């Protein structure tokens, strides 16, 4: 079962703002190699929240502007399980309320 992913689309936001990784590194105080790894999808595994905060401050954006969620099969299965459990609770609650 394929798991979902959250991708960092920093390059898209930089392009939108007309800025470079060098500019971001200098203005956000984040080392260039750290930013470079965040731009490459194949090297993305995590992001430090402090680094994310610095990036967002420098680019005047919100985390949701650069973090993109792609749902996978495993995420869909979890979502469906939660929904079915919630429906079951509502049915139990409404049937005992009618008694």
PDB file of N, CA and C in Angstrom:
ATOM      1  N   UNK A   1       0.849  -1.183   0.000  1.00  0.00           N
ATOM      2  CA  UNK A   1       0.000   0.000   0.000  1.00  0.00           C
ATOM      3  C   UNK A   1       0.889   1.239   0.000  1.00  0.00           C
ATOM      4  N   UNK A   2       0.635   2.132  -0.910  1.00  0.00           N
ATOM      5  CA  UNK A   2       1.463   3.324  -1.045  1.00  0.00           C
ATOM      6  C   UNK A   2       1.025   4.390  -0.039  1.00  0.00           C
ATOM      7  N   UNK A   3       2.004   4.922   0.657  1.00  0.00           N
ATOM      8  CA  UNK A   3       1.751   5.957   1.652  1.00  0.00           C
ATOM      9  C   UNK A   3       1.741   7.336   0.994  1.00  0.00           C
ATOM     10  N   UNK A   4       1.004   8.255   1.570  1.00  0.00           N
ATOM     11  CA  UNK A   4       0.958   9.628   1.067  1.00  0.00           C
ATOM     12  C   UNK A   4       2.237  10.374   1.394  1.00  0.00           C
ATOM     13  N   UNK A   5       2.365  11.525   0.814  1.00  0.00           N
ATOM     14  CA  UNK A   5       3.574  12.319   1.018  1.00  0.00           C
ATOM     15  C   UNK A   5       3.226  13.792   1.154  1.00  0.00           C
ATOM     16  N   UNK A   6       4.054  14.486   1.876  1.00  0.00           N
ATOM     17  CA  UNK A   6       4.003  15.942   1.922  1.00  0.00           C
ATOM     18  C   UNK A   6       5.278  16.412   1.238  1.00  0.00           C
ATOM     19  N   UNK A   7       5.105  17.175   0.177  1.00  0.00           N
ATOM     20  CA  UNK A   7       6.240  17.676  -0.587  1.00  0.00           C
ATOM     21  C   UNK A   7       6.471  19.155  -0.280  1.00  0.00           C
ATOM     22  N   UNK A   8       7.724  19.551  -0.350  1.00  0.00           N
ATOM     23  CA  UNK A   8       8.107  20.935  -0.147  1.00  0.00           C
ATOM     24  C   UNK A   8       8.318  21.551  -1.528  1.00  0.00           C
ATOM     25  N   UNK A   9       7.466  22.448  -1.905  1.00  0.00           N
ATOM     26  CA  UNK A   9       7.574  23.075  -3.219  1.00  0.00           C
ATOM     27  C   UNK A   9       8.151  24.486  -3.090  1.00  0.00           C
ATOM     28  N   UNK A  10       9.338  24.515  -2.535  1.00  0.00           N
ATOM     29  CA  UNK A  10      10.041  25.773  -2.316  1.00  0.00           C
ATOM     30  C   UNK A  10      10.402  26.446  -3.628  1.00  0.00           C
ATOM     31  N   UNK A  11      10.798  25.661  -4.613  1.00  0.00           N
ATOM     32  CA  UNK A  11      11.185  26.224  -5.905  1.00  0.00           C
ATOM     33  C   UNK A  11      10.033  26.982  -6.565  1.00  0.00           C
ATOM     34  N   UNK A  12       8.809  26.482  -6.406  1.00  0.00           N
ATOM     35  CA  UNK A  12       7.637  27.147  -6.977  1.00  0.00           C
ATOM     36  C   UNK A  12       7.417  28.512  -6.331  1.00  0.00           C
ATOM     37  N   UNK A  13       7.558  28.577  -5.009  1.00  0.00           N
ATOM     38  CA  UNK A  13       7.368  29.843  -4.296  1.00  0.00           C
ATOM     39  C   UNK A  13       8.487  30.825  -4.632  1.00  0.00           C
ATOM     40  N   UNK A  14       9.714  30.337  -4.751  1.00  0.00           N
ATOM     41  CA  UNK A  14      10.826  31.211  -5.126  1.00  0.00           C
ATOM     42  C   UNK A  14      10.587  31.818  -6.506  1.00  0.00           C
ATOM     43  N   UNK A  15      10.139  30.988  -7.433  1.00  0.00           N
ATOM     44  CA  UNK A  15       9.866  31.465  -8.792  1.00  0.00           C
ATOM     45  C   UNK A  15       8.743  32.513  -8.761  1.00  0.00           C
ATOM     46  N   UNK A  16       7.715  32.246  -7.970  1.00  0.00           N
ATOM     47  CA  UNK A  16       6.582  33.180  -7.853  1.00  0.00           C
ATOM     48  C   UNK A  16       7.033  34.532  -7.300  1.00  0.00           C
ATOM     49  N   UNK A  17       7.980  34.499  -6.366  1.00  0.00           N
ATOM     50  CA  UNK A  17       8.475  35.729  -5.741  1.00  0.00           C
ATOM     51  C   UNK A  17       9.629  36.367  -6.536  1.00  0.00           C
ATOM     52  N   UNK A  18      10.131  35.652  -7.535  1.00  0.00           N
ATOM     53  CA  UNK A  18      11.250  36.162  -8.320  1.00  0.00           C
ATOM     54  C   UNK A  18      12.553  36.177  -7.537  1.00  0.00           C
ATOM     55  N   UNK A  19      12.735  35.199  -6.662  1.00  0.00           N
ATOM     56  CA  UNK A  19      13.918  35.123  -5.804  1.00  0.00           C
ATOM     57  C   UNK A  19      14.697  33.849  -6.077  1.00  0.00           C
ATOM     58  N   UNK A  20      15.948  33.824  -5.664  1.00  0.00           N
ATOM     59  CA  UNK A  20      16.805  32.657  -5.846  1.00  0.00           C
ATOM     60  C   UNK A  20      17.081  31.984  -4.506  1.00  0.00           C
ATOM     61  N   UNK A  21      17.640  30.785  -4.570  1.00  0.00           N
ATOM     62  CA  UNK A  21      18.055  30.100  -3.341  1.00  0.00           C
ATOM     63  C   UNK A  21      19.138  30.891  -2.618  1.00  0.00           C
ATOM     64  N   UNK A  22      20.027  31.535  -3.379  1.00  0.00           N
ATOM     65  CA  UNK A  22      21.083  32.354  -2.765  1.00  0.00           C
ATOM     66  C   UNK A  22      20.459  33.519  -1.993  1.00  0.00           C
ATOM     67  N   UNK A  23      19.468  34.160  -2.594  1.00  0.00           N
ATOM     68  CA  UNK A  23      18.771  35.273  -1.920  1.00  0.00           C
ATOM     69  C   UNK A  23      18.126  34.770  -0.640  1.00  0.00           C
ATOM     70  N   UNK A  24      17.435  33.627  -0.737  1.00  0.00           N
ATOM     71  CA  UNK A  24      16.739  33.084   0.429  1.00  0.00           C
ATOM     72  C   UNK A  24      17.719  32.710   1.531  1.00  0.00           C
ATOM     73  N   UNK A  25      18.823  32.107   1.153  1.00  0.00           N
ATOM     74  CA  UNK A  25      19.835  31.733   2.132  1.00  0.00           C
ATOM     75  C   UNK A  25      20.357  32.959   2.883  1.00  0.00           C
ATOM     76  N   UNK A  26      20.658  34.005   2.137  1.00  0.00           N
ATOM     77  CA  UNK A  26      21.190  35.228   2.750  1.00  0.00           C
ATOM     78  C   UNK A  26      20.164  35.934   3.623  1.00  0.00           C
ATOM     79  N   UNK A  27      18.895  35.937   3.203  1.00  0.00           N
ATOM     80  CA  UNK A  27      17.867  36.690   3.919  1.00  0.00           C
ATOM     81  C   UNK A  27      17.164  35.902   5.015  1.00  0.00           C
ATOM     82  N   UNK A  28      17.145  34.587   4.904  1.00  0.00           N
ATOM     83  CA  UNK A  28      16.485  33.773   5.926  1.00  0.00           C
ATOM     84  C   UNK A  28      17.478  33.236   6.952  1.00  0.00           C
ATOM     85  N   UNK A  29      18.760  33.315   6.636  1.00  0.00           N
ATOM     86  CA  UNK A  29      19.761  32.790   7.562  1.00  0.00           C
ATOM     87  C   UNK A  29      19.788  31.265   7.591  1.00  0.00           C
ATOM     88  N   UNK A  30      19.436  30.646   6.463  1.00  0.00           N
ATOM     89  CA  UNK A  30      19.445  29.187   6.351  1.00  0.00           C
ATOM     90  C   UNK A  30      20.564  28.815   5.377  1.00  0.00           C
ATOM     91  N   UNK A  31      21.434  27.870   5.748  1.00  0.00           N
ATOM     92  CA  UNK A  31      22.540  27.499   4.851  1.00  0.00           C
ATOM     93  C   UNK A  31      22.043  27.058   3.471  1.00  0.00           C
ATOM     94  N   UNK A  32      22.765  27.470   2.437  1.00  0.00           N
ATOM     95  CA  UNK A  32      22.392  27.140   1.063  1.00  0.00           C
ATOM     96  C   UNK A  32      22.218  25.628   0.849  1.00  0.00           C
ATOM     97  N   UNK A  33      23.135  24.774   1.334  1.00  0.00           N
ATOM     98  CA  UNK A  33      22.952  23.325   1.120  1.00  0.00           C
ATOM     99  C   UNK A  33      21.638  22.789   1.704  1.00  0.00           C
ATOM    100  N   UNK A  34      21.205  23.349   2.815  1.00  0.00           N
ATOM    101  CA  UNK A  34      19.926  22.942   3.417  1.00  0.00           C
ATOM    102  C   UNK A  34      18.780  23.274   2.476  1.00  0.00           C
ATOM    103  N   UNK A  35      18.791  24.482   1.934  1.00  0.00           N
ATOM    104  CA  UNK A  35      17.740  24.903   1.008  1.00  0.00           C
ATOM    105  C   UNK A  35      17.791  24.088  -0.281  1.00  0.00           C
ATOM    106  N   UNK A  36      18.979  23.817  -0.768  1.00  0.00           N
ATOM    107  CA  UNK A  36      19.135  23.054  -1.999  1.00  0.00           C
ATOM    108  C   UNK A  36      18.514  21.663  -1.852  1.00  0.00           C
ATOM    109  N   UNK A  37      18.725  21.028  -0.698  1.00  0.00           N
ATOM    110  CA  UNK A  37      18.141  19.704  -0.440  1.00  0.00           C
ATOM    111  C   UNK A  37      16.615  19.775  -0.404  1.00  0.00           C
ATOM    112  N   UNK A  38      16.079  20.888   0.078  1.00  0.00           N
ATOM    113  CA  UNK A  38      14.623  21.040   0.150  1.00  0.00           C
ATOM    114  C   UNK A  38      13.995  21.229  -1.232  1.00  0.00           C
ATOM    115  N   UNK A  39      14.752  21.751  -2.166  1.00  0.00           N
ATOM    116  CA  UNK A  39      14.233  21.973  -3.518  1.00  0.00           C
ATOM    117  C   UNK A  39      14.186  20.659  -4.308  1.00  0.00           C
ATOM    118  N   UNK A  40      15.082  19.753  -4.024  1.00  0.00           N
ATOM    119  CA  UNK A  40      15.158  18.481  -4.751  1.00  0.00           C
ATOM    120  C   UNK A  40      14.196  17.468  -4.128  1.00  0.00           C
ATOM    121  N   UNK A  41      13.193  17.034  -4.882  1.00  0.00           N
ATOM    122  CA  UNK A  41      12.187  16.104  -4.354  1.00  0.00           C
ATOM    123  C   UNK A  41      12.786  14.798  -3.867  1.00  0.00           C
ATOM    124  N   UNK A  42      13.796  14.305  -4.543  1.00  0.00           N
ATOM    125  CA  UNK A  42      14.368  13.015  -4.168  1.00  0.00           C
ATOM    126  C   UNK A  42      15.194  13.061  -2.884  1.00  0.00           C
ATOM    127  N   UNK A  43      15.533  14.257  -2.403  1.00  0.00           N
ATOM    128  CA  UNK A  43      16.293  14.360  -1.146  1.00  0.00           C
ATOM    129  C   UNK A  43      15.434  14.871   0.006  1.00  0.00           C
ATOM    130  N   UNK A  44      14.158  15.123  -0.240  1.00  0.00           N
ATOM    131  CA  UNK A  44      13.281  15.622   0.818  1.00  0.00           C
ATOM    132  C   UNK A  44      12.867  14.475   1.733  1.00  0.00           C
ATOM    133  N   UNK A  45      13.088  14.639   3.009  1.00  0.00           N
ATOM    134  CA  UNK A  45      12.605  13.647   3.967  1.00  0.00           C
ATOM    135  C   UNK A  45      11.971  14.321   5.170  1.00  0.00           C
ATOM    136  N   UNK A  46      12.429  15.516   5.479  1.00  0.00           N
ATOM    137  CA  UNK A  46      11.858  16.256   6.603  1.00  0.00           C
ATOM    138  C   UNK A  46      12.280  17.719   6.505  1.00  0.00           C
ATOM    139  N   UNK A  47      11.630  18.536   7.305  1.00  0.00           N
ATOM    140  CA  UNK A  47      12.026  19.935   7.396  1.00  0.00           C
ATOM    141  C   UNK A  47      11.920  20.352   8.858  1.00  0.00           C
ATOM    142  N   UNK A  48      12.933  20.983   9.336  1.00  0.00           N
ATOM    143  CA  UNK A  48      12.956  21.510  10.692  1.00  0.00           C
ATOM    144  C   UNK A  48      11.958  22.675  10.766  1.00  0.00           C
ATOM    145  N   UNK A  49      11.126  22.697  11.779  1.00  0.00           N
ATOM    146  CA  UNK A  49      10.113  23.747  11.881  1.00  0.00           C
ATOM    147  C   UNK A  49      10.724  25.139  12.006  1.00  0.00           C
ATOM    148  N   UNK A  50      11.879  25.236  12.625  1.00  0.00           N
ATOM    149  CA  UNK A  50      12.559  26.527  12.733  1.00  0.00           C
ATOM    150  C   UNK A  50      12.998  27.008  11.350  1.00  0.00           C
ATOM    151  N   UNK A  51      13.493  26.090  10.531  1.00  0.00           N
ATOM    152  CA  UNK A  51      13.891  26.416   9.161  1.00  0.00           C
ATOM    153  C   UNK A  51      12.666  26.822   8.356  1.00  0.00           C
ATOM    154  N   UNK A  52      11.568  26.080   8.504  1.00  0.00           N
ATOM    155  CA  UNK A  52      10.327  26.417   7.803  1.00  0.00           C
ATOM    156  C   UNK A  52       9.845  27.814   8.188  1.00  0.00           C
ATOM    157  N   UNK A  53       9.940  28.139   9.456  1.00  0.00           N
ATOM    158  CA  UNK A  53       9.534  29.463   9.932  1.00  0.00           C
ATOM    159  C   UNK A  53      10.388  30.565   9.302  1.00  0.00           C
ATOM    160  N   UNK A  54      11.700  30.348   9.239  1.00  0.00           N
ATOM    161  CA  UNK A  54      12.597  31.339   8.629  1.00  0.00           C
ATOM    162  C   UNK A  54      12.290  31.519   7.141  1.00  0.00           C
ATOM    163  N   UNK A  55      12.047  30.408   6.440  1.00  0.00           N
ATOM    164  CA  UNK A  55      11.721  30.468   5.016  1.00  0.00           C
ATOM    165  C   UNK A  55      10.439  31.255   4.800  1.00  0.00           C
ATOM    166  N   UNK A  56       9.423  30.930   5.579  1.00  0.00           N
ATOM    167  CA  UNK A  56       8.132  31.611   5.438  1.00  0.00           C
ATOM    168  C   UNK A  56       8.240  33.100   5.762  1.00  0.00           C
ATOM    169  N   UNK A  57       9.031  33.449   6.750  1.00  0.00           N
ATOM    170  CA  UNK A  57       9.215  34.863   7.094  1.00  0.00           C
ATOM    171  C   UNK A  57       9.880  35.613   5.952  1.00  0.00           C
ATOM    172  N   UNK A  58      10.935  35.039   5.403  1.00  0.00           N
ATOM    173  CA  UNK A  58      11.670  35.706   4.320  1.00  0.00           C
ATOM    174  C   UNK A  58      10.826  35.834   3.054  1.00  0.00           C
ATOM    175  N   UNK A  59      10.002  34.816   2.772  1.00  0.00           N
ATOM    176  CA  UNK A  59       9.185  34.828   1.553  1.00  0.00           C
ATOM    177  C   UNK A  59       7.784  35.411   1.779  1.00  0.00           C
ATOM    178  N   UNK A  60       7.506  35.803   3.023  1.00  0.00           N
ATOM    179  CA  UNK A  60       6.193  36.355   3.376  1.00  0.00           C
ATOM    180  C   UNK A  60       5.069  35.425   2.904  1.00  0.00           C
ATOM    181  N   UNK A  61       5.145  34.178   3.373  1.00  0.00           N
ATOM    182  CA  UNK A  61       4.135  33.191   3.003  1.00  0.00           C
ATOM    183  C   UNK A  61       3.804  32.326   4.218  1.00  0.00           C
ATOM    184  N   UNK A  62       2.849  31.448   4.054  1.00  0.00           N
ATOM    185  CA  UNK A  62       2.456  30.506   5.100  1.00  0.00           C
ATOM    186  C   UNK A  62       2.990  29.118   4.749  1.00  0.00           C
ATOM    187  N   UNK A  63       3.172  28.246   5.746  1.00  0.00           N
ATOM    188  CA  UNK A  63       3.662  26.897   5.443  1.00  0.00           C
ATOM    189  C   UNK A  63       2.833  26.180   4.372  1.00  0.00           C
ATOM    190  N   UNK A  64       1.529  26.381   4.379  1.00  0.00           N
ATOM    191  CA  UNK A  64       0.667  25.750   3.392  1.00  0.00           C
ATOM    192  C   UNK A  64       0.912  26.224   1.969  1.00  0.00           C
ATOM    193  N   UNK A  65       1.625  27.336   1.827  1.00  0.00           N
ATOM    194  CA  UNK A  65       1.962  27.827   0.491  1.00  0.00           C
ATOM    195  C   UNK A  65       3.105  27.033  -0.147  1.00  0.00           C
ATOM    196  N   UNK A  66       3.908  26.365   0.689  1.00  0.00           N
ATOM    197  CA  UNK A  66       5.033  25.611   0.137  1.00  0.00           C
ATOM    198  C   UNK A  66       4.981  24.115   0.466  1.00  0.00           C
ATOM    199  N   UNK A  67       4.095  23.708   1.360  1.00  0.00           N
ATOM    200  CA  UNK A  67       3.943  22.292   1.686  1.00  0.00           C
ATOM    201  C   UNK A  67       2.723  21.751   0.958  1.00  0.00           C
ATOM    202  N   UNK A  68       2.911  20.733   0.135  1.00  0.00           N
ATOM    203  CA  UNK A  68       1.850  20.165  -0.678  1.00  0.00           C
ATOM    204  C   UNK A  68       1.616  18.719  -0.248  1.00  0.00           C
ATOM    205  N   UNK A  69       0.364  18.388   0.047  1.00  0.00           N
ATOM    206  CA  UNK A  69       0.002  17.037   0.489  1.00  0.00           C
ATOM    207  C   UNK A  69      -0.574  16.233  -0.671  1.00  0.00           C
ATOM    208  N   UNK A  70       0.004  15.061  -0.910  1.00  0.00           N
ATOM    209  CA  UNK A  70      -0.510  14.125  -1.899  1.00  0.00           C
ATOM    210  C   UNK A  70      -0.944  12.869  -1.169  1.00  0.00           C
ATOM    211  N   UNK A  71      -2.243  12.606  -1.217  1.00  0.00           N
ATOM    212  CA  UNK A  71      -2.792  11.455  -0.519  1.00  0.00           C
ATOM    213  C   UNK A  71      -2.415  10.162  -1.230  1.00  0.00           C
ATOM    214  N   UNK A  72      -2.039   9.149  -0.449  1.00  0.00           N
ATOM    215  CA  UNK A  72      -1.710   7.833  -0.979  1.00  0.00           C
ATOM    216  C   UNK A  72      -2.785   6.827  -0.622  1.00  0.00           C
ATOM    217  N   UNK A  73      -2.608   5.604  -1.056  1.00  0.00           N
ATOM    218  CA  UNK A  73      -3.579   4.541  -0.786  1.00  0.00           C
ATOM    219  C   UNK A  73      -3.759   4.307   0.709  1.00  0.00           C
ATOM    220  N   UNK A  74      -2.652   4.307   1.439  1.00  0.00           N
ATOM    221  CA  UNK A  74      -2.713   4.081   2.880  1.00  0.00           C
ATOM    222  C   UNK A  74      -3.492   5.204   3.565  1.00  0.00           C
ATOM    223  N   UNK A  75      -3.274   6.440   3.137  1.00  0.00           N
ATOM    224  CA  UNK A  75      -4.000   7.576   3.701  1.00  0.00           C
ATOM    225  C   UNK A  75      -5.495   7.471   3.411  1.00  0.00           C
ATOM    226  N   UNK A  76      -5.840   7.058   2.208  1.00  0.00           N
ATOM    227  CA  UNK A  76      -7.247   6.893   1.828  1.00  0.00           C
ATOM    228  C   UNK A  76      -7.907   5.820   2.685  1.00  0.00           C
ATOM    229  N   UNK A  77      -7.187   4.721   2.912  1.00  0.00           N
ATOM    230  CA  UNK A  77      -7.725   3.644   3.734  1.00  0.00           C
ATOM    231  C   UNK A  77      -7.957   4.115   5.167  1.00  0.00           C
ATOM    232  N   UNK A  78      -7.028   4.874   5.722  1.00  0.00           N
ATOM    233  CA  UNK A  78      -7.183   5.411   7.078  1.00  0.00           C
ATOM    234  C   UNK A  78      -8.378   6.355   7.137  1.00  0.00           C
ATOM    235  N   UNK A  79      -8.487   7.228   6.146  1.00  0.00           N
ATOM    236  CA  UNK A  79      -9.586   8.184   6.091  1.00  0.00           C
ATOM    237  C   UNK A  79     -10.937   7.460   6.043  1.00  0.00           C
ATOM    238  N   UNK A  80     -11.027   6.422   5.220  1.00  0.00           N
ATOM    239  CA  UNK A  80     -12.268   5.653   5.106  1.00  0.00           C
ATOM    240  C   UNK A  80     -12.602   4.921   6.397  1.00  0.00           C
ATOM    241  N   UNK A  81     -11.589   4.387   7.071  1.00  0.00           N
ATOM    242  CA  UNK A  81     -11.789   3.704   8.341  1.00  0.00           C
ATOM    243  C   UNK A  81     -12.333   4.665   9.392  1.00  0.00           C
ATOM    244  N   UNK A  82     -11.746   5.843   9.476  1.00  0.00           N
ATOM    245  CA  UNK A  82     -12.194   6.849  10.445  1.00  0.00           C
ATOM    246  C   UNK A  82     -13.640   7.257  10.148  1.00  0.00           C
ATOM    247  N   UNK A  83     -13.952   7.485   8.879  1.00  0.00           N
ATOM    248  CA  UNK A  83     -15.323   7.858   8.504  1.00  0.00           C
ATOM    249  C   UNK A  83     -16.330   6.781   8.889  1.00  0.00           C
ATOM    250  N   UNK A  84     -15.982   5.527   8.631  1.00  0.00           N
ATOM    251  CA  UNK A  84     -16.918   4.450   8.958  1.00  0.00           C
ATOM    252  C   UNK A  84     -17.103   4.328  10.473  1.00  0.00           C
ATOM    253  N   UNK A  85     -16.046   4.532  11.227  1.00  0.00           N
ATOM    254  CA  UNK A  85     -16.166   4.491  12.692  1.00  0.00           C
ATOM    255  C   UNK A  85     -17.025   5.649  13.200  1.00  0.00           C
ATOM    256  N   UNK A  86     -16.843   6.825  12.607  1.00  0.00           N
ATOM    257  CA  UNK A  86     -17.639   7.991  13.004  1.00  0.00           C
ATOM    258  C   UNK A  86     -19.118   7.765  12.686  1.00  0.00           C
ATOM    259  N   UNK A  87     -19.420   7.182  11.538  1.00  0.00           N
ATOM    260  CA  UNK A  87     -20.808   6.884  11.179  1.00  0.00           C
ATOM    261  C   UNK A  87     -21.407   5.890  12.156  1.00  0.00           C
ATOM    262  N   UNK A  88     -20.608   4.889  12.557  1.00  0.00           N
ATOM    263  CA  UNK A  88     -21.072   3.891  13.525  1.00  0.00           C
ATOM    264  C   UNK A  88     -21.395   4.520  14.869  1.00  0.00           C
ATOM    265  N   UNK A  89     -20.606   5.463  15.304  1.00  0.00           N
ATOM    266  CA  UNK A  89     -20.857   6.158  16.580  1.00  0.00           C
ATOM    267  C   UNK A  89     -22.132   6.985  16.510  1.00  0.00           C
ATOM    268  N   UNK A  90     -22.350   7.647  15.371  1.00  0.00           N
ATOM    269  CA  UNK A  90     -23.554   8.473  15.208  1.00  0.00           C
ATOM    270  C   UNK A  90     -24.801   7.602  15.234  1.00  0.00           C
ATOM    271  N   UNK A  91     -24.740   6.439  14.587  1.00  0.00           N
ATOM    272  CA  UNK A  91     -25.891   5.532  14.568  1.00  0.00           C
ATOM    273  C   UNK A  91     -26.200   5.033  15.969  1.00  0.00           C
ATOM    274  N   UNK A  92     -25.169   4.654  16.713  1.00  0.00           N
ATOM    275  CA  UNK A  92     -25.370   4.181  18.086  1.00  0.00           C
ATOM    276  C   UNK A  92     -25.965   5.287  18.950  1.00  0.00           C
ATOM    277  N   UNK A  93     -25.437   6.499  18.798  1.00  0.00           N
ATOM    278  CA  UNK A  93     -25.911   7.638  19.578  1.00  0.00           C
ATOM    279  C   UNK A  93     -27.345   7.987  19.258  1.00  0.00           C
ATOM    280  N   UNK A  94     -27.760   7.915  18.000  1.00  0.00           N
ATOM    281  CA  UNK A  94     -29.118   8.279  17.628  1.00  0.00           C
ATOM    282  C   UNK A  94     -30.101   7.193  17.987  1.00  0.00           C
ATOM    283  N   UNK A  95     -29.692   5.905  17.977  1.00  0.00           N
ATOM    284  CA  UNK A  95     -30.615   4.841  18.330  1.00  0.00           C
ATOM    285  C   UNK A  95     -30.861   4.800  19.832  1.00  0.00           C
ATOM    286  N   UNK A  96     -29.851   5.104  20.637  1.00  0.00           N
ATOM    287  CA  UNK A  96     -30.039   5.099  22.098  1.00  0.00           C
ATOM    288  C   UNK A  96     -30.794   6.354  22.528  1.00  0.00           C
ATOM    289  N   UNK A  97     -30.728   7.414  21.751  1.00  0.00           N
ATOM    290  CA  UNK A  97     -31.468   8.623  22.080  1.00  0.00           C
ATOM    291  C   UNK A  97     -32.958   8.441  21.822  1.00  0.00           C
ATOM    292  N   UNK A  98     -33.308   7.542  20.892  1.00  0.00           N
ATOM    293  CA  UNK A  98     -34.708   7.294  20.552  1.00  0.00           C
ATOM    294  C   UNK A  98     -35.362   6.309  21.504  1.00  0.00           C
ATOM    295  N   UNK A  99     -34.601   5.632  22.332  1.00  0.00           N
ATOM    296  CA  UNK A  99     -35.159   4.616  23.239  1.00  0.00           C
ATOM    297  C   UNK A  99     -35.816   5.225  24.438  1.00  0.00           C
TER     298      UNK A  99
END
